[in-house]
């Protein structure tokens, strides 16, 4: 059970990092950000992936903390 909580935490953290990267890339415009060439619309892919990871991690943590009960 602890491994699943660690996995949920990793998913949530990775999602936050990807969304922050996407926001920085969007604000910068075009060019290189942390050595990665990305344009304004190219930041959409990491943002969508980050939001998916973040939502899955939060959902998994919430499911584990409530004991699998639905509200």
N, C-alpha and C. Protein backbone atom coordinates (compact mmCIF):
# COMPACT_ATOMS: atom_id res chain seq x y z
N UNK A 1 0.82 -1.19 0.00
CA UNK A 1 0.00 0.00 0.00
C UNK A 1 0.87 1.26 0.00
N UNK A 2 2.02 1.22 0.68
CA UNK A 2 2.89 2.38 0.70
C UNK A 2 3.50 2.66 -0.67
N UNK A 3 3.76 1.63 -1.45
CA UNK A 3 4.31 1.83 -2.79
C UNK A 3 3.32 2.56 -3.69
N UNK A 4 2.04 2.28 -3.50
CA UNK A 4 1.02 2.94 -4.31
C UNK A 4 0.94 4.42 -3.93
N UNK A 5 1.08 4.73 -2.65
CA UNK A 5 1.07 6.12 -2.23
C UNK A 5 2.29 6.86 -2.77
N UNK A 6 3.44 6.19 -2.79
CA UNK A 6 4.65 6.79 -3.36
C UNK A 6 4.45 7.04 -4.85
N UNK A 7 3.87 6.08 -5.55
CA UNK A 7 3.60 6.24 -6.98
C UNK A 7 2.63 7.39 -7.23
N UNK A 8 1.62 7.53 -6.39
CA UNK A 8 0.67 8.63 -6.53
C UNK A 8 1.36 9.97 -6.29
N UNK A 9 2.26 10.01 -5.33
CA UNK A 9 3.02 11.23 -5.08
C UNK A 9 3.94 11.60 -6.23
N UNK A 10 4.56 10.57 -6.84
CA UNK A 10 5.43 10.81 -7.99
C UNK A 10 4.61 11.33 -9.17
N UNK A 11 3.44 10.74 -9.40
CA UNK A 11 2.57 11.21 -10.48
C UNK A 11 2.17 12.66 -10.26
N UNK A 12 1.79 12.99 -9.04
CA UNK A 12 1.37 14.36 -8.74
C UNK A 12 2.53 15.33 -8.92
N UNK A 13 3.70 14.97 -8.42
CA UNK A 13 4.87 15.84 -8.56
C UNK A 13 5.29 16.03 -10.00
N UNK A 14 5.29 14.94 -10.77
CA UNK A 14 5.65 15.04 -12.19
C UNK A 14 4.65 15.90 -12.94
N UNK A 15 3.38 15.78 -12.60
CA UNK A 15 2.36 16.61 -13.23
C UNK A 15 2.57 18.08 -12.93
N UNK A 16 2.90 18.40 -11.69
CA UNK A 16 3.15 19.79 -11.33
C UNK A 16 4.36 20.34 -12.08
N UNK A 17 5.43 19.55 -12.14
CA UNK A 17 6.64 20.01 -12.84
C UNK A 17 6.38 20.23 -14.33
N UNK A 18 5.64 19.31 -14.96
CA UNK A 18 5.34 19.48 -16.38
C UNK A 18 4.46 20.70 -16.63
N UNK A 19 3.50 20.95 -15.75
CA UNK A 19 2.65 22.13 -15.94
C UNK A 19 3.43 23.42 -15.73
N UNK A 20 4.35 23.43 -14.77
CA UNK A 20 5.18 24.62 -14.56
C UNK A 20 6.09 24.84 -15.77
N UNK A 21 6.67 23.76 -16.29
CA UNK A 21 7.51 23.88 -17.49
C UNK A 21 6.70 24.43 -18.66
N UNK A 22 5.49 23.93 -18.84
CA UNK A 22 4.65 24.39 -19.94
C UNK A 22 4.28 25.86 -19.78
N UNK A 23 4.00 26.28 -18.58
CA UNK A 23 3.67 27.69 -18.35
C UNK A 23 4.88 28.58 -18.61
N UNK A 24 6.04 28.17 -18.18
CA UNK A 24 7.25 28.96 -18.46
C UNK A 24 7.53 29.03 -19.96
N UNK A 25 7.34 27.91 -20.65
CA UNK A 25 7.57 27.89 -22.09
C UNK A 25 6.55 28.77 -22.81
N UNK A 26 5.33 28.78 -22.35
CA UNK A 26 4.30 29.62 -22.96
C UNK A 26 4.60 31.09 -22.75
N UNK A 27 5.04 31.44 -21.55
CA UNK A 27 5.35 32.84 -21.27
C UNK A 27 6.59 33.33 -22.01
N UNK A 28 7.54 32.43 -22.24
CA UNK A 28 8.77 32.81 -22.93
C UNK A 28 8.52 33.06 -24.41
N UNK A 29 7.61 32.34 -25.00
CA UNK A 29 7.38 32.46 -26.44
C UNK A 29 8.18 31.41 -27.18
N UNK A 30 9.03 31.84 -28.11
CA UNK A 30 9.84 30.88 -28.86
C UNK A 30 11.29 30.95 -28.38
N UNK A 31 12.03 29.90 -28.65
CA UNK A 31 13.42 29.83 -28.24
C UNK A 31 13.68 28.57 -27.44
N UNK A 32 14.75 28.61 -26.66
CA UNK A 32 15.12 27.45 -25.84
C UNK A 32 14.82 27.73 -24.38
N UNK A 33 14.26 26.73 -23.74
CA UNK A 33 13.97 26.78 -22.31
C UNK A 33 14.58 25.54 -21.69
N UNK A 34 15.56 25.71 -20.82
CA UNK A 34 16.29 24.61 -20.19
C UNK A 34 16.92 23.70 -21.24
N UNK A 35 17.36 24.26 -22.35
CA UNK A 35 18.01 23.49 -23.41
C UNK A 35 17.05 22.79 -24.36
N UNK A 36 15.76 23.01 -24.19
CA UNK A 36 14.76 22.39 -25.05
C UNK A 36 14.14 23.47 -25.93
N UNK A 37 14.23 23.29 -27.25
CA UNK A 37 13.61 24.24 -28.16
C UNK A 37 12.12 24.03 -28.20
N UNK A 38 11.36 25.06 -27.83
CA UNK A 38 9.91 24.92 -27.76
C UNK A 38 9.28 26.26 -28.13
N UNK A 39 8.16 26.21 -28.83
CA UNK A 39 7.46 27.44 -29.16
C UNK A 39 6.21 27.56 -28.29
N UNK A 40 5.45 28.60 -28.54
CA UNK A 40 4.29 28.88 -27.69
C UNK A 40 3.25 27.76 -27.76
N UNK A 41 2.96 27.27 -28.96
CA UNK A 41 1.96 26.22 -29.10
C UNK A 41 2.53 24.84 -28.80
N UNK A 42 3.83 24.71 -28.83
CA UNK A 42 4.45 23.45 -28.45
C UNK A 42 4.38 23.19 -26.96
N UNK A 43 4.05 24.22 -26.19
CA UNK A 43 3.91 24.07 -24.75
C UNK A 43 2.59 23.40 -24.39
N UNK A 44 1.72 23.22 -25.35
CA UNK A 44 0.42 22.61 -25.07
C UNK A 44 0.56 21.13 -24.71
N UNK A 45 1.46 20.42 -25.37
CA UNK A 45 1.63 18.98 -25.11
C UNK A 45 2.10 18.70 -23.68
N UNK A 46 3.16 19.37 -23.16
CA UNK A 46 3.54 19.10 -21.78
C UNK A 46 2.47 19.55 -20.78
N UNK A 47 1.70 20.59 -21.13
CA UNK A 47 0.65 21.03 -20.22
C UNK A 47 -0.45 19.98 -20.12
N UNK A 48 -0.86 19.42 -21.25
CA UNK A 48 -1.91 18.39 -21.22
C UNK A 48 -1.43 17.12 -20.51
N UNK A 49 -0.19 16.72 -20.78
CA UNK A 49 0.36 15.54 -20.12
C UNK A 49 0.51 15.79 -18.62
N UNK A 50 0.97 17.00 -18.25
CA UNK A 50 1.11 17.33 -16.84
C UNK A 50 -0.22 17.36 -16.12
N UNK A 51 -1.24 17.90 -16.76
CA UNK A 51 -2.56 17.94 -16.12
C UNK A 51 -3.13 16.53 -15.97
N UNK A 52 -2.84 15.66 -16.93
CA UNK A 52 -3.28 14.27 -16.82
C UNK A 52 -2.58 13.57 -15.65
N UNK A 53 -1.25 13.73 -15.55
CA UNK A 53 -0.51 13.13 -14.45
C UNK A 53 -0.98 13.68 -13.10
N UNK A 54 -1.17 14.99 -13.04
CA UNK A 54 -1.59 15.62 -11.78
C UNK A 54 -2.97 15.12 -11.35
N UNK A 55 -3.90 15.07 -12.28
CA UNK A 55 -5.25 14.60 -11.95
C UNK A 55 -5.25 13.13 -11.52
N UNK A 56 -4.46 12.31 -12.22
CA UNK A 56 -4.39 10.89 -11.86
C UNK A 56 -3.76 10.69 -10.48
N UNK A 57 -2.71 11.46 -10.19
CA UNK A 57 -2.07 11.34 -8.87
C UNK A 57 -2.98 11.79 -7.75
N UNK A 58 -3.67 12.90 -7.94
CA UNK A 58 -4.58 13.40 -6.90
C UNK A 58 -5.74 12.44 -6.71
N UNK A 59 -6.27 11.91 -7.81
CA UNK A 59 -7.38 10.96 -7.71
C UNK A 59 -6.94 9.70 -6.98
N UNK A 60 -5.75 9.20 -7.30
CA UNK A 60 -5.25 7.99 -6.65
C UNK A 60 -5.01 8.22 -5.16
N UNK A 61 -4.43 9.36 -4.80
CA UNK A 61 -4.23 9.67 -3.38
C UNK A 61 -5.57 9.79 -2.65
N UNK A 62 -6.51 10.46 -3.27
CA UNK A 62 -7.83 10.61 -2.65
C UNK A 62 -8.52 9.25 -2.48
N UNK A 63 -8.39 8.39 -3.48
CA UNK A 63 -8.98 7.05 -3.39
C UNK A 63 -8.35 6.24 -2.27
N UNK A 64 -7.02 6.34 -2.15
CA UNK A 64 -6.34 5.57 -1.11
C UNK A 64 -6.65 6.10 0.28
N UNK A 65 -6.74 7.42 0.43
CA UNK A 65 -6.98 7.99 1.75
C UNK A 65 -8.40 7.78 2.23
N UNK A 66 -9.36 7.65 1.32
CA UNK A 66 -10.73 7.41 1.74
C UNK A 66 -11.01 5.92 1.92
N UNK A 67 -10.06 5.08 1.58
CA UNK A 67 -10.22 3.65 1.76
C UNK A 67 -11.04 3.01 0.65
N UNK A 68 -11.17 3.68 -0.48
CA UNK A 68 -11.91 3.13 -1.60
C UNK A 68 -13.40 3.36 -1.53
N UNK A 69 -13.83 4.10 -0.54
CA UNK A 69 -15.27 4.40 -0.42
C UNK A 69 -15.63 5.52 -1.36
N UNK A 70 -16.77 5.42 -1.99
CA UNK A 70 -17.25 6.52 -2.82
C UNK A 70 -18.07 7.47 -1.97
N UNK A 71 -18.03 8.73 -2.33
CA UNK A 71 -18.75 9.73 -1.52
C UNK A 71 -20.12 9.95 -2.04
